[in-house]
Amino acid sequence: MNQIKRVSKSPKGYLVDTGMACHHAAMAGPQALGAHPLFGALFETAMVSEIRKTLSLLGGASALYHWRASTGAEVDCIIERNGWLYPVEVKLTSQPTRQQTLGLQAFRKAHPTQRMAPGLMLCAVEQARWISEDVLALPWNLV
């Protein structure tokens, strides 16, 4: 059994075409997006889509997973590449906090023997900065 089979807890589906998702959610136009309850989910979907595209350009084998613990802790995207796990959280905020890294921390704690890179939080920060000793906030538009 490979390492991610022991890590992955539940499948998560994405409607890759965010325009189609907006259409089915009956959004009247781009101005309606910011106040819509699906805005965060659409942002996450867009970021996971960009991660997939970036990985395809890098070549080699990569896999993407979602992790959710029975406690409710979750990580939006786990990249498995070259024997390493890269946990990524997507947040629609410009002021990320340590509290928002709890899912990344829970994932790391639940898998202490895995080779794991520092966590990454894609969000609306102006420049990359460390939120905690092992979580880096990265501007979403750098993906």
C-alpha atoms as a PDB file:
ATOM      1  CA  MET A   1       0.000   0.000   0.000  1.00  0.00           C
ATOM      2  CA  ASN A   2       1.510   3.359  -0.969  1.00  0.00           C
ATOM      3  CA  GLN A   3       1.880   6.150   1.564  1.00  0.00           C
ATOM      4  CA  ILE A   4      -1.030   8.230   0.322  1.00  0.00           C
ATOM      5  CA  LYS A   5      -3.502   5.334   0.576  1.00  0.00           C
ATOM      6  CA  ARG A   6      -2.841   5.463   4.302  1.00  0.00           C
ATOM      7  CA  VAL A   7      -3.221   9.249   4.265  1.00  0.00           C
ATOM      8  CA  SER A   8      -6.236   9.835   2.021  1.00  0.00           C
ATOM      9  CA  LYS A   9      -9.472   9.679   3.985  1.00  0.00           C
ATOM     10  CA  SER A  10     -12.212  10.803   1.638  1.00  0.00           C
ATOM     11  CA  PRO A  11     -12.677  11.691  -2.011  1.00  0.00           C
ATOM     12  CA  LYS A  12     -13.572  15.230  -2.947  1.00  0.00           C
ATOM     13  CA  GLY A  13     -15.022  16.237  -6.278  1.00  0.00           C
ATOM     14  CA  TYR A  14     -14.595  19.518  -8.118  1.00  0.00           C
ATOM     15  CA  LEU A  15     -16.605  20.952 -10.983  1.00  0.00           C
ATOM     16  CA  VAL A  16     -13.520  22.153 -12.842  1.00  0.00           C
ATOM     17  CA  ASP A  17     -15.323  24.755 -14.935  1.00  0.00           C
ATOM     18  CA  THR A  18     -15.972  27.504 -12.388  1.00  0.00           C
ATOM     19  CA  GLY A  19     -17.965  29.429 -15.002  1.00  0.00           C
ATOM     20  CA  MET A  20     -20.340  26.494 -15.318  1.00  0.00           C
ATOM     21  CA  ALA A  21     -20.576  26.273 -11.519  1.00  0.00           C
ATOM     22  CA  CYS A  22     -21.480  29.984 -11.370  1.00  0.00           C
ATOM     23  CA  HIS A  23     -24.098  29.481 -14.077  1.00  0.00           C
ATOM     24  CA  HIS A  24     -25.697  26.582 -12.187  1.00  0.00           C
ATOM     25  CA  ALA A  25     -25.643  28.656  -8.997  1.00  0.00           C
ATOM     26  CA  ALA A  26     -27.656  31.300 -10.906  1.00  0.00           C
ATOM     27  CA  MET A  27     -25.137  34.095 -10.373  1.00  0.00           C
ATOM     28  CA  ALA A  28     -26.218  37.140 -12.355  1.00  0.00           C
ATOM     29  CA  GLY A  29     -22.665  38.229 -13.173  1.00  0.00           C
ATOM     30  CA  PRO A  30     -19.160  38.730 -11.790  1.00  0.00           C
ATOM     31  CA  GLN A  31     -20.371  41.385  -9.362  1.00  0.00           C
ATOM     32  CA  ALA A  32     -22.494  38.741  -7.586  1.00  0.00           C
ATOM     33  CA  LEU A  33     -19.533  36.456  -6.888  1.00  0.00           C
ATOM     34  CA  GLY A  34     -17.985  38.310  -3.931  1.00  0.00           C
ATOM     35  CA  ALA A  35     -21.108  38.086  -1.797  1.00  0.00           C
ATOM     36  CA  HIS A  36     -22.142  34.602  -2.873  1.00  0.00           C
ATOM     37  CA  PRO A  37     -21.946  31.742  -0.326  1.00  0.00           C
ATOM     38  CA  LEU A  38     -20.070  29.613  -2.882  1.00  0.00           C
ATOM     39  CA  PHE A  39     -17.262  32.157  -3.351  1.00  0.00           C
ATOM     40  CA  GLY A  40     -14.826  30.300  -1.067  1.00  0.00           C
ATOM     41  CA  ALA A  41     -15.557  26.930  -2.673  1.00  0.00           C
ATOM     42  CA  LEU A  42     -15.160  28.398  -6.165  1.00  0.00           C
ATOM     43  CA  PHE A  43     -11.845  29.969  -5.151  1.00  0.00           C
ATOM     44  CA  GLU A  44     -10.637  26.619  -3.800  1.00  0.00           C
ATOM     45  CA  THR A  45     -11.720  24.896  -7.012  1.00  0.00           C
ATOM     46  CA  ALA A  46      -9.867  27.451  -9.134  1.00  0.00           C
ATOM     47  CA  MET A  47      -6.697  27.047  -7.055  1.00  0.00           C
ATOM     48  CA  VAL A  48      -6.768  23.235  -7.219  1.00  0.00           C
ATOM     49  CA  SER A  49      -7.236  23.510 -10.968  1.00  0.00           C
ATOM     50  CA  GLU A  50      -4.180  25.782 -11.221  1.00  0.00           C
ATOM     51  CA  ILE A  51      -2.156  23.359  -9.074  1.00  0.00           C
ATOM     52  CA  ARG A  52      -3.110  20.518 -11.439  1.00  0.00           C
ATOM     53  CA  LYS A  53      -2.006  22.574 -14.452  1.00  0.00           C
ATOM     54  CA  THR A  54       1.307  23.490 -12.824  1.00  0.00           C
ATOM     55  CA  LEU A  55       2.029  19.865 -11.926  1.00  0.00           C
ATOM     56  CA  SER A  56       1.311  18.754 -15.494  1.00  0.00           C
ATOM     57  CA  LEU A  57       3.907  21.267 -16.739  1.00  0.00           C
ATOM     58  CA  LEU A  58       6.535  19.921 -14.332  1.00  0.00           C
ATOM     59  CA  GLY A  59       6.307  16.427 -15.783  1.00  0.00           C
ATOM     60  CA  GLY A  60       6.829  13.261 -13.791  1.00  0.00           C
ATOM     61  CA  ALA A  61       4.295  11.533 -11.628  1.00  0.00           C
ATOM     62  CA  SER A  62       2.243  13.532  -9.148  1.00  0.00           C
ATOM     63  CA  ALA A  63      -1.022  12.787  -7.402  1.00  0.00           C
ATOM     64  CA  LEU A  64      -3.518  15.082  -5.659  1.00  0.00           C
ATOM     65  CA  TYR A  65      -5.620  14.144  -2.661  1.00  0.00           C
ATOM     66  CA  HIS A  66      -7.927  15.694  -0.112  1.00  0.00           C
ATOM     67  CA  TRP A  67      -7.709  14.752   3.580  1.00  0.00           C
ATOM     68  CA  ARG A  68     -10.351  14.961   6.276  1.00  0.00           C
ATOM     69  CA  ALA A  69     -10.035  13.473   9.745  1.00  0.00           C
ATOM     70  CA  SER A  70     -12.965  12.171  11.786  1.00  0.00           C
ATOM     71  CA  THR A  71     -12.461  15.223  14.030  1.00  0.00           C
ATOM     72  CA  GLY A  72     -13.326  17.504  11.107  1.00  0.00           C
ATOM     73  CA  ALA A  73      -9.768  18.699  10.472  1.00  0.00           C
ATOM     74  CA  GLU A  74      -9.000  18.824   6.768  1.00  0.00           C
ATOM     75  CA  VAL A  75      -6.427  19.782   4.176  1.00  0.00           C
ATOM     76  CA  ASP A  76      -7.725  20.984   0.828  1.00  0.00           C
ATOM     77  CA  CYS A  77      -4.989  19.531  -1.340  1.00  0.00           C
ATOM     78  CA  ILE A  78      -2.151  17.112  -0.692  1.00  0.00           C
ATOM     79  CA  ILE A  79       0.354  16.764  -3.485  1.00  0.00           C
ATOM     80  CA  GLU A  80       2.268  13.497  -3.557  1.00  0.00           C
ATOM     81  CA  ARG A  81       5.436  13.842  -5.612  1.00  0.00           C
ATOM     82  CA  ASN A  82       8.762  11.998  -5.546  1.00  0.00           C
ATOM     83  CA  GLY A  83       7.972  10.338  -2.218  1.00  0.00           C
ATOM     84  CA  TRP A  84       7.097  13.605  -0.497  1.00  0.00           C
ATOM     85  CA  LEU A  85       3.775  15.027   0.638  1.00  0.00           C
ATOM     86  CA  TYR A  86       3.066  18.720   0.118  1.00  0.00           C
ATOM     87  CA  PRO A  87      -0.015  19.839   2.096  1.00  0.00           C
ATOM     88  CA  VAL A  88      -1.811  22.891   0.684  1.00  0.00           C
ATOM     89  CA  GLU A  89      -4.665  24.833   2.235  1.00  0.00           C
ATOM     90  CA  VAL A  90      -6.665  27.412   0.260  1.00  0.00           C
ATOM     91  CA  LYS A  91      -8.179  30.326   2.146  1.00  0.00           C
ATOM     92  CA  LEU A  92     -10.069  33.327   0.824  1.00  0.00           C
ATOM     93  CA  THR A  93      -8.376  35.815   3.135  1.00  0.00           C
ATOM     94  CA  SER A  94      -5.719  38.497   3.024  1.00  0.00           C
ATOM     95  CA  GLN A  95      -4.977  38.114   6.750  1.00  0.00           C
ATOM     96  CA  PRO A  96      -4.187  34.413   7.357  1.00  0.00           C
ATOM     97  CA  THR A  97      -3.873  33.354  10.989  1.00  0.00           C
ATOM     98  CA  ARG A  98      -2.269  30.485  12.895  1.00  0.00           C
ATOM     99  CA  GLN A  99      -5.804  29.304  13.703  1.00  0.00           C
ATOM    100  CA  GLN A 100      -6.366  28.702   9.981  1.00  0.00           C
ATOM    101  CA  THR A 101      -3.379  26.313   9.918  1.00  0.00           C
ATOM    102  CA  LEU A 102      -4.979  23.808  12.307  1.00  0.00           C
ATOM    103  CA  GLY A 103      -5.878  21.389   9.492  1.00  0.00           C
ATOM    104  CA  LEU A 104      -2.285  21.429   8.243  1.00  0.00           C
ATOM    105  CA  GLN A 105      -1.025  20.871  11.788  1.00  0.00           C
ATOM    106  CA  ALA A 106      -3.468  18.002  12.359  1.00  0.00           C
ATOM    107  CA  PHE A 107      -2.383  16.367   9.105  1.00  0.00           C
ATOM    108  CA  ARG A 108       1.287  16.607  10.059  1.00  0.00           C
ATOM    109  CA  LYS A 109       0.569  15.227  13.544  1.00  0.00           C
ATOM    110  CA  ALA A 110      -1.496  12.342  12.139  1.00  0.00           C
ATOM    111  CA  HIS A 111       1.345  11.279   9.794  1.00  0.00           C
ATOM    112  CA  PRO A 112       4.613  11.785  11.680  1.00  0.00           C
ATOM    113  CA  THR A 113       6.564   9.194   9.670  1.00  0.00           C
ATOM    114  CA  GLN A 114       5.775  10.615   6.233  1.00  0.00           C
ATOM    115  CA  ARG A 115       8.277  12.757   4.367  1.00  0.00           C
ATOM    116  CA  MET A 116       6.457  16.061   4.404  1.00  0.00           C
ATOM    117  CA  ALA A 117       7.290  19.535   3.143  1.00  0.00           C
ATOM    118  CA  PRO A 118       6.209  22.646   5.040  1.00  0.00           C
ATOM    119  CA  GLY A 119       2.524  23.468   4.631  1.00  0.00           C
ATOM    120  CA  LEU A 120       1.427  26.031   2.110  1.00  0.00           C
ATOM    121  CA  MET A 121      -1.567  28.340   2.396  1.00  0.00           C
ATOM    122  CA  LEU A 122      -2.672  29.929  -0.860  1.00  0.00           C
ATOM    123  CA  CYS A 123      -4.460  33.159  -0.034  1.00  0.00           C
ATOM    124  CA  ALA A 124      -4.713  36.853  -0.898  1.00  0.00           C
ATOM    125  CA  VAL A 125      -1.539  38.037   0.849  1.00  0.00           C
ATOM    126  CA  GLU A 126       0.593  40.642  -0.944  1.00  0.00           C
ATOM    127  CA  GLN A 127       3.841  38.707  -0.495  1.00  0.00           C
ATOM    128  CA  ALA A 128       4.916  35.335   0.849  1.00  0.00           C
ATOM    129  CA  ARG A 129       5.285  35.160   4.621  1.00  0.00           C
ATOM    130  CA  TRP A 130       5.466  32.509   7.323  1.00  0.00           C
ATOM    131  CA  ILE A 131       2.286  32.135   9.390  1.00  0.00           C
ATOM    132  CA  SER A 132       3.906  29.571  11.670  1.00  0.00           C
ATOM    133  CA  GLU A 133       7.204  27.723  11.772  1.00  0.00           C
ATOM    134  CA  ASP A 134       5.993  25.213   9.183  1.00  0.00           C
ATOM    135  CA  VAL A 135       3.282  27.011   7.166  1.00  0.00           C
ATOM    136  CA  LEU A 136       4.016  29.552   4.444  1.00  0.00           C
ATOM    137  CA  ALA A 137       1.299  31.911   3.174  1.00  0.00           C
ATOM    138  CA  LEU A 138       1.737  32.409  -0.560  1.00  0.00           C
ATOM    139  CA  PRO A 139      -0.099  34.866  -2.827  1.00  0.00           C
ATOM    140  CA  TRP A 140      -2.655  32.866  -4.803  1.00  0.00           C
ATOM    141  CA  ASN A 141      -1.670  34.534  -8.077  1.00  0.00           C
ATOM    142  CA  LEU A 142       1.810  32.961  -7.961  1.00  0.00           C
ATOM    143  CA  VAL A 143       0.386  29.505  -8.634  1.00  0.00           C
END
